[in-house]
Amino acid sequence: QESLVGLLEPINTRSTDPQYFLDTPQQAAAILQKVGRP
């Protein structure tokens, strides 16, 4: 509605944030495909 873009960032769980849910580009890309919003 505001012509904005949302971004998903994988954050590494090996050192920076072991509890972060989204941690690989493969996981993020699969989620983006499921949502299917440009």
PDB file of all heavy atoms in Angstrom:
ATOM      1  N   GLN A   1       0.824  -1.218   0.000  1.00  0.00           N
ATOM      2  CA  GLN A   1       0.000   0.000   0.000  1.00  0.00           C
ATOM      3  C   GLN A   1       0.856   1.265   0.000  1.00  0.00           C
ATOM      4  O   GLN A   1       0.405   2.322  -0.424  1.00  0.00           O
ATOM      5  CB  GLN A   1      -0.926  -0.009   1.216  1.00  0.00           C
ATOM      6  CG  GLN A   1      -1.983  -1.094   1.172  1.00  0.00           C
ATOM      7  CD  GLN A   1      -2.826  -1.121   2.443  1.00  0.00           C
ATOM      8  OE1 GLN A   1      -2.709  -0.233   3.292  1.00  0.00           O
ATOM      9  NE2 GLN A   1      -3.674  -2.117   2.581  1.00  0.00           N
ATOM     10  N   GLU A   2       2.097   1.133   0.486  1.00  0.00           N
ATOM     11  CA  GLU A   2       2.989   2.294   0.571  1.00  0.00           C
ATOM     12  C   GLU A   2       4.154   2.190  -0.417  1.00  0.00           C
ATOM     13  O   GLU A   2       5.108   2.966  -0.330  1.00  0.00           O
ATOM     14  CB  GLU A   2       3.553   2.422   2.003  1.00  0.00           C
ATOM     15  CG  GLU A   2       2.500   2.464   3.094  1.00  0.00           C
ATOM     16  CD  GLU A   2       1.622   3.701   3.034  1.00  0.00           C
ATOM     17  OE1 GLU A   2       2.017   4.670   2.345  1.00  0.00           O
ATOM     18  OE2 GLU A   2       0.551   3.718   3.669  1.00  0.00           O
ATOM     19  N   SER A   3       4.082   1.222  -1.331  1.00  0.00           N
ATOM     20  CA  SER A   3       5.156   0.992  -2.321  1.00  0.00           C
ATOM     21  C   SER A   3       6.499   0.739  -1.644  1.00  0.00           C
ATOM     22  O   SER A   3       7.547   1.220  -2.091  1.00  0.00           O
ATOM     23  CB  SER A   3       5.261   2.179  -3.288  1.00  0.00           C
ATOM     24  OG  SER A   3       4.055   2.361  -4.001  1.00  0.00           O
ATOM     25  N   LEU A   4       6.476  -0.053  -0.562  1.00  0.00           N
ATOM     26  CA  LEU A   4       7.684  -0.419   0.174  1.00  0.00           C
ATOM     27  C   LEU A   4       8.025  -1.884  -0.058  1.00  0.00           C
ATOM     28  O   LEU A   4       7.161  -2.692  -0.411  1.00  0.00           O
ATOM     29  CB  LEU A   4       7.490  -0.167   1.670  1.00  0.00           C
ATOM     30  CG  LEU A   4       7.221   1.281   2.092  1.00  0.00           C
ATOM     31  CD1 LEU A   4       6.875   1.345   3.573  1.00  0.00           C
ATOM     32  CD2 LEU A   4       8.416   2.164   1.777  1.00  0.00           C
ATOM     33  N   VAL A   5       9.287  -2.217   0.177  1.00  0.00           N
ATOM     34  CA  VAL A   5       9.792  -3.582   0.019  1.00  0.00           C
ATOM     35  C   VAL A   5      10.178  -4.122   1.389  1.00  0.00           C
ATOM     36  O   VAL A   5      10.808  -3.421   2.193  1.00  0.00           O
ATOM     37  CB  VAL A   5      11.007  -3.608  -0.928  1.00  0.00           C
ATOM     38  CG1 VAL A   5      11.684  -4.980  -0.921  1.00  0.00           C
ATOM     39  CG2 VAL A   5      10.588  -3.237  -2.342  1.00  0.00           C
ATOM     40  N   GLY A   6       9.805  -5.365   1.659  1.00  0.00           N
ATOM     41  CA  GLY A   6      10.222  -6.045   2.872  1.00  0.00           C
ATOM     42  C   GLY A   6      11.362  -7.009   2.576  1.00  0.00           C
ATOM     43  O   GLY A   6      11.380  -7.673   1.533  1.00  0.00           O
ATOM     44  N   LEU A   7      12.318  -7.093   3.483  1.00  0.00           N
ATOM     45  CA  LEU A   7      13.493  -7.938   3.291  1.00  0.00           C
ATOM     46  C   LEU A   7      13.591  -8.986   4.384  1.00  0.00           C
ATOM     47  O   LEU A   7      13.275  -8.725   5.552  1.00  0.00           O
ATOM     48  CB  LEU A   7      14.766  -7.093   3.299  1.00  0.00           C
ATOM     49  CG  LEU A   7      14.887  -6.026   2.206  1.00  0.00           C
ATOM     50  CD1 LEU A   7      16.133  -5.180   2.443  1.00  0.00           C
ATOM     51  CD2 LEU A   7      14.924  -6.662   0.829  1.00  0.00           C
ATOM     52  N   LEU A   8      14.061 -10.182   4.000  1.00  0.00           N
ATOM     53  CA  LEU A   8      14.343 -11.261   4.942  1.00  0.00           C
ATOM     54  C   LEU A   8      15.845 -11.478   4.986  1.00  0.00           C
ATOM     55  O   LEU A   8      16.478 -11.706   3.943  1.00  0.00           O
ATOM     56  CB  LEU A   8      13.665 -12.562   4.497  1.00  0.00           C
ATOM     57  CG  LEU A   8      12.200 -12.788   4.894  1.00  0.00           C
ATOM     58  CD1 LEU A   8      11.308 -11.710   4.284  1.00  0.00           C
ATOM     59  CD2 LEU A   8      11.742 -14.167   4.454  1.00  0.00           C
ATOM     60  N   GLU A   9      16.416 -11.406   6.186  1.00  0.00           N
ATOM     61  CA  GLU A   9      17.866 -11.570   6.323  1.00  0.00           C
ATOM     62  C   GLU A   9      18.199 -12.805   7.163  1.00  0.00           C
ATOM     63  O   GLU A   9      17.884 -12.843   8.358  1.00  0.00           O
ATOM     64  CB  GLU A   9      18.511 -10.356   6.988  1.00  0.00           C
ATOM     65  CG  GLU A   9      20.025 -10.526   7.123  1.00  0.00           C
ATOM     66  CD  GLU A   9      20.695  -9.463   7.975  1.00  0.00           C
ATOM     67  OE1 GLU A   9      19.996  -8.764   8.720  1.00  0.00           O
ATOM     68  OE2 GLU A   9      21.928  -9.342   7.901  1.00  0.00           O
ATOM     69  N   PRO A  10      18.869 -13.807   6.571  1.00  0.00           N
ATOM     70  CA  PRO A  10      19.395 -14.900   7.382  1.00  0.00           C
ATOM     71  C   PRO A  10      20.576 -14.401   8.215  1.00  0.00           C
ATOM     72  O   PRO A  10      21.461 -13.709   7.703  1.00  0.00           O
ATOM     73  CB  PRO A  10      19.862 -15.930   6.340  1.00  0.00           C
ATOM     74  CG  PRO A  10      19.283 -15.485   5.032  1.00  0.00           C
ATOM     75  CD  PRO A  10      19.104 -14.004   5.134  1.00  0.00           C
ATOM     76  N   ILE A  11      20.588 -14.749   9.491  1.00  0.00           N
ATOM     77  CA  ILE A  11      21.666 -14.385  10.416  1.00  0.00           C
ATOM     78  C   ILE A  11      22.308 -15.671  10.915  1.00  0.00           C
ATOM     79  O   ILE A  11      21.610 -16.605  11.305  1.00  0.00           O
ATOM     80  CB  ILE A  11      21.112 -13.552  11.582  1.00  0.00           C
ATOM     81  CG1 ILE A  11      20.598 -12.200  11.048  1.00  0.00           C
ATOM     82  CG2 ILE A  11      22.168 -13.338  12.663  1.00  0.00           C
ATOM     83  CD1 ILE A  11      19.947 -11.327  12.088  1.00  0.00           C
ATOM     84  N   ASN A  12      23.636 -15.712  10.892  1.00  0.00           N
ATOM     85  CA  ASN A  12      24.303 -16.981  11.204  1.00  0.00           C
ATOM     86  C   ASN A  12      24.081 -17.408  12.648  1.00  0.00           C
ATOM     87  O   ASN A  12      24.059 -16.579  13.564  1.00  0.00           O
ATOM     88  CB  ASN A  12      25.797 -16.901  10.855  1.00  0.00           C
ATOM     89  CG  ASN A  12      26.635 -16.317  11.961  1.00  0.00           C
ATOM     90  OD1 ASN A  12      26.961 -17.003  12.932  1.00  0.00           O
ATOM     91  ND2 ASN A  12      26.989 -15.040  11.832  1.00  0.00           N
ATOM     92  N   THR A  13      23.896 -18.701  12.819  1.00  0.00           N
ATOM     93  CA  THR A  13      23.681 -19.275  14.153  1.00  0.00           C
ATOM     94  C   THR A  13      24.923 -19.995  14.666  1.00  0.00           C
ATOM     95  O   THR A  13      24.865 -20.638  15.713  1.00  0.00           O
ATOM     96  CB  THR A  13      22.496 -20.260  14.118  1.00  0.00           C
ATOM     97  OG1 THR A  13      22.669 -21.180  13.034  1.00  0.00           O
ATOM     98  CG2 THR A  13      21.180 -19.527  13.945  1.00  0.00           C
ATOM     99  N   ARG A  14      26.023 -19.881  13.950  1.00  0.00           N
ATOM    100  CA  ARG A  14      27.279 -20.496  14.418  1.00  0.00           C
ATOM    101  C   ARG A  14      28.002 -19.615  15.437  1.00  0.00           C
ATOM    102  O   ARG A  14      28.638 -20.119  16.363  1.00  0.00           O
ATOM    103  CB  ARG A  14      28.208 -20.777  13.238  1.00  0.00           C
ATOM    104  CG  ARG A  14      27.682 -21.778  12.233  1.00  0.00           C
ATOM    105  CD  ARG A  14      28.745 -22.110  11.197  1.00  0.00           C
ATOM    106  NE  ARG A  14      28.226 -22.892  10.098  1.00  0.00           N
ATOM    107  CZ  ARG A  14      28.061 -24.210  10.108  1.00  0.00           C
ATOM    108  NH1 ARG A  14      28.392 -24.890  11.188  1.00  0.00           N
ATOM    109  NH2 ARG A  14      27.586 -24.834   9.052  1.00  0.00           N
ATOM    110  N   SER A  15      27.897 -18.298  15.274  1.00  0.00           N
ATOM    111  CA  SER A  15      28.636 -17.412  16.176  1.00  0.00           C
ATOM    112  C   SER A  15      27.827 -16.186  16.599  1.00  0.00           C
ATOM    113  O   SER A  15      27.845 -15.812  17.766  1.00  0.00           O
ATOM    114  CB  SER A  15      29.936 -16.949  15.510  1.00  0.00           C
ATOM    115  OG  SER A  15      29.684 -16.246  14.310  1.00  0.00           O
ATOM    116  N   THR A  16      27.095 -15.571  15.682  1.00  0.00           N
ATOM    117  CA  THR A  16      26.449 -14.298  15.995  1.00  0.00           C
ATOM    118  C   THR A  16      25.216 -14.462  16.869  1.00  0.00           C
ATOM    119  O   THR A  16      25.056 -13.770  17.874  1.00  0.00           O
ATOM    120  CB  THR A  16      26.071 -13.557  14.696  1.00  0.00           C
ATOM    121  OG1 THR A  16      27.268 -13.288  13.961  1.00  0.00           O
ATOM    122  CG2 THR A  16      25.357 -12.252  14.994  1.00  0.00           C
ATOM    123  N   ASP A  17      24.310 -15.364  16.504  1.00  0.00           N
ATOM    124  CA  ASP A  17      23.045 -15.494  17.231  1.00  0.00           C
ATOM    125  C   ASP A  17      22.559 -16.941  17.138  1.00  0.00           C
ATOM    126  O   ASP A  17      21.775 -17.282  16.250  1.00  0.00           O
ATOM    127  CB  ASP A  17      22.002 -14.543  16.656  1.00  0.00           C
ATOM    128  CG  ASP A  17      20.799 -14.363  17.577  1.00  0.00           C
ATOM    129  OD1 ASP A  17      20.544 -15.268  18.404  1.00  0.00           O
ATOM    130  OD2 ASP A  17      20.113 -13.327  17.468  1.00  0.00           O
ATOM    131  N   PRO A  18      23.009 -17.817  18.033  1.00  0.00           N
ATOM    132  CA  PRO A  18      22.659 -19.241  17.941  1.00  0.00           C
ATOM    133  C   PRO A  18      21.165 -19.530  17.977  1.00  0.00           C
ATOM    134  O   PRO A  18      20.737 -20.595  17.524  1.00  0.00           O
ATOM    135  CB  PRO A  18      23.369 -19.848  19.161  1.00  0.00           C
ATOM    136  CG  PRO A  18      24.495 -18.923  19.452  1.00  0.00           C
ATOM    137  CD  PRO A  18      23.962 -17.554  19.119  1.00  0.00           C
ATOM    138  N   GLN A  19      20.347 -18.603  18.482  1.00  0.00           N
ATOM    139  CA  GLN A  19      18.909 -18.843  18.607  1.00  0.00           C
ATOM    140  C   GLN A  19      18.106 -18.284  17.440  1.00  0.00           C
ATOM    141  O   GLN A  19      16.885 -18.470  17.397  1.00  0.00           O
ATOM    142  CB  GLN A  19      18.387 -18.227  19.914  1.00  0.00           C
ATOM    143  CG  GLN A  19      18.896 -18.891  21.191  1.00  0.00           C
ATOM    144  CD  GLN A  19      18.460 -20.351  21.279  1.00  0.00           C
ATOM    145  OE1 GLN A  19      19.293 -21.249  21.223  1.00  0.00           O
ATOM    146  NE2 GLN A  19      17.163 -20.574  21.390  1.00  0.00           N
ATOM    147  N   TYR A  20      18.756 -17.604  16.485  1.00  0.00           N
ATOM    148  CA  TYR A  20      17.977 -16.942  15.443  1.00  0.00           C
ATOM    149  C   TYR A  20      17.289 -17.972  14.561  1.00  0.00           C
ATOM    150  O   TYR A  20      17.853 -18.999  14.203  1.00  0.00           O
ATOM    151  CB  TYR A  20      18.866 -16.024  14.604  1.00  0.00           C
ATOM    152  CG  TYR A  20      18.083 -14.901  13.966  1.00  0.00           C
ATOM    153  CD1 TYR A  20      17.623 -13.830  14.731  1.00  0.00           C
ATOM    154  CD2 TYR A  20      17.774 -14.905  12.609  1.00  0.00           C
ATOM    155  CE1 TYR A  20      16.881 -12.802  14.169  1.00  0.00           C
ATOM    156  CE2 TYR A  20      17.030 -13.878  12.032  1.00  0.00           C
ATOM    157  CZ  TYR A  20      16.590 -12.834  12.828  1.00  0.00           C
ATOM    158  OH  TYR A  20      15.839 -11.826  12.274  1.00  0.00           O
ATOM    159  N   PHE A  21      16.035 -17.683  14.202  1.00  0.00           N
ATOM    160  CA  PHE A  21      15.239 -18.667  13.457  1.00  0.00           C
ATOM    161  C   PHE A  21      15.693 -18.798  12.011  1.00  0.00           C
ATOM    162  O   PHE A  21      15.810 -19.912  11.480  1.00  0.00           O
ATOM    163  CB  PHE A  21      13.763 -18.267  13.498  1.00  0.00           C
ATOM    164  CG  PHE A  21      12.893 -19.096  12.587  1.00  0.00           C
ATOM    165  CD1 PHE A  21      12.633 -20.434  12.886  1.00  0.00           C
ATOM    166  CD2 PHE A  21      12.344 -18.557  11.436  1.00  0.00           C
ATOM    167  CE1 PHE A  21      11.846 -21.213  12.046  1.00  0.00           C
ATOM    168  CE2 PHE A  21      11.546 -19.323  10.601  1.00  0.00           C
ATOM    169  CZ  PHE A  21      11.306 -20.661  10.897  1.00  0.00           C
ATOM    170  N   LEU A  22      15.944 -17.683  11.358  1.00  0.00           N
ATOM    171  CA  LEU A  22      16.256 -17.675   9.920  1.00  0.00           C
ATOM    172  C   LEU A  22      17.770 -17.590   9.760  1.00  0.00           C
ATOM    173  O   LEU A  22      18.360 -16.546  10.048  1.00  0.00           O
ATOM    174  CB  LEU A  22      15.574 -16.479   9.256  1.00  0.00           C
ATOM    175  CG  LEU A  22      15.555 -16.431   7.737  1.00  0.00           C
ATOM    176  CD1 LEU A  22      14.623 -17.504   7.169  1.00  0.00           C
ATOM    177  CD2 LEU A  22      15.123 -15.045   7.258  1.00  0.00           C
ATOM    178  N   ASP A  23      18.400 -18.679   9.296  1.00  0.00           N
ATOM    179  CA  ASP A  23      19.868 -18.662   9.328  1.00  0.00           C
ATOM    180  C   ASP A  23      20.561 -19.051   8.027  1.00  0.00           C
ATOM    181  O   ASP A  23      21.800 -19.014   7.975  1.00  0.00           O
ATOM    182  CB  ASP A  23      20.393 -19.516  10.489  1.00  0.00           C
ATOM    183  CG  ASP A  23      20.059 -20.998  10.356  1.00  0.00           C
ATOM    184  OD1 ASP A  23      19.303 -21.379   9.440  1.00  0.00           O
ATOM    185  OD2 ASP A  23      20.567 -21.780  11.188  1.00  0.00           O
ATOM    186  N   THR A  24      19.858 -19.409   6.974  1.00  0.00           N
ATOM    187  CA  THR A  24      20.519 -19.714   5.703  1.00  0.00           C
ATOM    188  C   THR A  24      19.751 -19.087   4.540  1.00  0.00           C
ATOM    189  O   THR A  24      18.530 -18.907   4.616  1.00  0.00           O
ATOM    190  CB  THR A  24      20.622 -21.231   5.447  1.00  0.00           C
ATOM    191  OG1 THR A  24      19.309 -21.769   5.201  1.00  0.00           O
ATOM    192  CG2 THR A  24      21.294 -21.954   6.608  1.00  0.00           C
ATOM    193  N   PRO A  25      20.444 -18.788   3.452  1.00  0.00           N
ATOM    194  CA  PRO A  25      19.725 -18.275   2.280  1.00  0.00           C
ATOM    195  C   PRO A  25      18.756 -19.296   1.707  1.00  0.00           C
ATOM    196  O   PRO A  25      17.709 -18.918   1.154  1.00  0.00           O
ATOM    197  CB  PRO A  25      20.851 -17.943   1.293  1.00  0.00           C
ATOM    198  CG  PRO A  25      22.043 -18.704   1.760  1.00  0.00           C
ATOM    199  CD  PRO A  25      21.903 -18.820   3.238  1.00  0.00           C
ATOM    200  N   GLN A  26      19.079 -20.573   1.834  1.00  0.00           N
ATOM    201  CA  GLN A  26      18.169 -21.609   1.332  1.00  0.00           C
ATOM    202  C   GLN A  26      16.841 -21.580   2.084  1.00  0.00           C
ATOM    203  O   GLN A  26      15.765 -21.663   1.469  1.00  0.00           O
ATOM    204  CB  GLN A  26      18.828 -22.984   1.462  1.00  0.00           C
ATOM    205  CG  GLN A  26      20.026 -23.209   0.545  1.00  0.00           C
ATOM    206  CD  GLN A  26      21.329 -22.645   1.089  1.00  0.00           C
ATOM    207  OE1 GLN A  26      21.377 -22.071   2.181  1.00  0.00           O
ATOM    208  NE2 GLN A  26      22.407 -22.814   0.329  1.00  0.00           N
ATOM    209  N   GLN A  27      16.901 -21.444   3.401  1.00  0.00           N
ATOM    210  CA  GLN A  27      15.677 -21.372   4.203  1.00  0.00           C
ATOM    211  C   GLN A  27      14.883 -20.121   3.849  1.00  0.00           C
ATOM    212  O   GLN A  27      13.651 -20.179   3.676  1.00  0.00           O
ATOM    213  CB  GLN A  27      16.029 -21.364   5.698  1.00  0.00           C
ATOM    214  CG  GLN A  27      14.830 -21.299   6.627  1.00  0.00           C
ATOM    215  CD  GLN A  27      15.226 -21.019   8.080  1.00  0.00           C
ATOM    216  OE1 GLN A  27      16.383 -20.682   8.363  1.00  0.00           O
ATOM    217  NE2 GLN A  27      14.272 -21.146   8.992  1.00  0.00           N
ATOM    218  N   ALA A  28      15.568 -18.990   3.718  1.00  0.00           N
ATOM    219  CA  ALA A  28      14.873 -17.743   3.406  1.00  0.00           C
ATOM    220  C   ALA A  28      14.239 -17.790   2.018  1.00  0.00           C
ATOM    221  O   ALA A  28      13.104 -17.338   1.826  1.00  0.00           O
ATOM    222  CB  ALA A  28      15.852 -16.570   3.501  1.00  0.00           C
ATOM    223  N   ALA A  29      14.969 -18.339   1.037  1.00  0.00           N
ATOM    224  CA  ALA A  29      14.432 -18.416  -0.323  1.00  0.00           C
ATOM    225  C   ALA A  29      13.200 -19.303  -0.376  1.00  0.00           C
ATOM    226  O   ALA A  29      12.232 -19.009  -1.088  1.00  0.00           O
ATOM    227  CB  ALA A  29      15.506 -18.930  -1.277  1.00  0.00           C
ATOM    228  N   ALA A  30      13.219 -20.416   0.387  1.00  0.00           N
ATOM    229  CA  ALA A  30      12.053 -21.306   0.414  1.00  0.00           C
ATOM    230  C   ALA A  30      10.843 -20.598   1.008  1.00  0.00           C
ATOM    231  O   ALA A  30       9.708 -20.764   0.532  1.00  0.00           O
ATOM    232  CB  ALA A  30      12.389 -22.568   1.202  1.00  0.00           C
ATOM    233  N   ILE A  31      11.063 -19.787   2.046  1.00  0.00           N
ATOM    234  CA  ILE A  31       9.961 -19.045   2.660  1.00  0.00           C
ATOM    235  C   ILE A  31       9.432 -17.992   1.696  1.00  0.00           C
ATOM    236  O   ILE A  31       8.214 -17.815   1.546  1.00  0.00           O
ATOM    237  CB  ILE A  31      10.420 -18.436   3.997  1.00  0.00           C
ATOM    238  CG1 ILE A  31      10.569 -19.543   5.046  1.00  0.00           C
ATOM    239  CG2 ILE A  31       9.443 -17.356   4.479  1.00  0.00           C
ATOM    240  CD1 ILE A  31      11.178 -19.095   6.354  1.00  0.00           C
ATOM    241  N   LEU A  32      10.324 -17.294   1.019  1.00  0.00           N
ATOM    242  CA  LEU A  32       9.888 -16.307   0.036  1.00  0.00           C
ATOM    243  C   LEU A  32       9.047 -16.954  -1.061  1.00  0.00           C
ATOM    244  O   LEU A  32       8.045 -16.391  -1.511  1.00  0.00           O
ATOM    245  CB  LEU A  32      11.099 -15.605  -0.583  1.00  0.00           C
ATOM    246  CG  LEU A  32      11.807 -14.577   0.293  1.00  0.00           C
ATOM    247  CD1 LEU A  32      13.092 -14.108  -0.385  1.00  0.00           C
ATOM    248  CD2 LEU A  32      10.904 -13.388   0.594  1.00  0.00           C
ATOM    249  N   GLN A  33       9.440 -18.145  -1.478  1.00  0.00           N
ATOM    250  CA  GLN A  33       8.678 -18.844  -2.518  1.00  0.00           C
ATOM    251  C   GLN A  33       7.282 -19.202  -2.023  1.00  0.00           C
ATOM    252  O   GLN A  33       6.299 -19.087  -2.762  1.00  0.00           O
ATOM    253  CB  GLN A  33       9.424 -20.093  -2.959  1.00  0.00           C
ATOM    254  CG  GLN A  33       8.753 -20.827  -4.117  1.00  0.00           C
ATOM    255  CD  GLN A  33       9.573 -22.004  -4.604  1.00  0.00           C
ATOM    256  OE1 GLN A  33      10.303 -22.621  -3.840  1.00  0.00           O
ATOM    257  NE2 GLN A  33       9.454 -22.322  -5.884  1.00  0.00           N
ATOM    258  N   LYS A  34       7.190 -19.618  -0.763  1.00  0.00           N
ATOM    259  CA  LYS A  34       5.887 -19.982  -0.203  1.00  0.00           C
ATOM    260  C   LYS A  34       4.985 -18.757  -0.069  1.00  0.00           C
ATOM    261  O   LYS A  34       3.777 -18.856  -0.281  1.00  0.00           O
ATOM    262  CB  LYS A  34       6.072 -20.666   1.154  1.00  0.00           C
ATOM    263  CG  LYS A  34       6.689 -22.057   1.062  1.00  0.00           C
ATOM    264  CD  LYS A  34       6.895 -22.665   2.441  1.00  0.00           C
ATOM    265  CE  LYS A  34       7.537 -24.047   2.347  1.00  0.00           C
ATOM    266  NZ  LYS A  34       7.796 -24.640   3.676  1.00  0.00           N
ATOM    267  N   VAL A  35       5.549 -17.632   0.297  1.00  0.00           N
ATOM    268  CA  VAL A  35       4.744 -16.415   0.436  1.00  0.00           C
ATOM    269  C   VAL A  35       4.338 -15.890  -0.940  1.00  0.00           C
ATOM    270  O   VAL A  35       3.194 -15.466  -1.147  1.00  0.00           O
ATOM    271  CB  VAL A  35       5.510 -15.336   1.223  1.00  0.00           C
ATOM    272  CG1 VAL A  35       4.687 -14.047   1.321  1.00  0.00           C
ATOM    273  CG2 VAL A  35       5.847 -15.835   2.615  1.00  0.00           C
ATOM    274  N   GLY A  36       5.293 -15.876  -1.868  1.00  0.00           N
ATOM    275  CA  GLY A  36       4.979 -15.520  -3.245  1.00  0.00           C
ATOM    276  C   GLY A  36       4.534 -14.090  -3.469  1.00  0.00           C
ATOM    277  O   GLY A  36       3.658 -13.827  -4.286  1.00  0.00           O
ATOM    278  N   ARG A  37       5.147 -13.148  -2.765  1.00  0.00           N
ATOM    279  CA  ARG A  37       4.805 -11.737  -2.936  1.00  0.00           C
ATOM    280  C   ARG A  37       6.006 -10.991  -3.527  1.00  0.00           C
ATOM    281  O   ARG A  37       7.113 -11.067  -2.983  1.00  0.00           O
ATOM    282  CB  ARG A  37       4.400 -11.108  -1.602  1.00  0.00           C
ATOM    283  CG  ARG A  37       3.222 -11.804  -0.927  1.00  0.00           C
ATOM    284  CD  ARG A  37       1.933 -11.707  -1.745  1.00  0.00           C
ATOM    285  NE  ARG A  37       0.869 -12.513  -1.175  1.00  0.00           N
ATOM    286  CZ  ARG A  37       0.041 -12.095  -0.228  1.00  0.00           C
ATOM    287  NH1 ARG A  37       0.167 -10.877   0.273  1.00  0.00           N
ATOM    288  NH2 ARG A  37      -0.911 -12.891   0.239  1.00  0.00           N
ATOM    289  N   PRO A  38       5.799 -10.256  -4.618  1.00  0.00           N
ATOM    290  CA  PRO A  38       6.940  -9.641  -5.303  1.00  0.00           C
ATOM    291  C   PRO A  38       7.638  -8.545  -4.512  1.00  0.00           C
ATOM    292  O   PRO A  38       8.789  -8.211  -4.818  1.00  0.00           O
ATOM    293  CB  PRO A  38       6.309  -9.063  -6.582  1.00  0.00           C
ATOM    294  CG  PRO A  38       4.863  -8.892  -6.258  1.00  0.00           C
ATOM    295  CD  PRO A  38       4.523 -10.005  -5.312  1.00  0.00           C
TER     296      PRO A  38
END
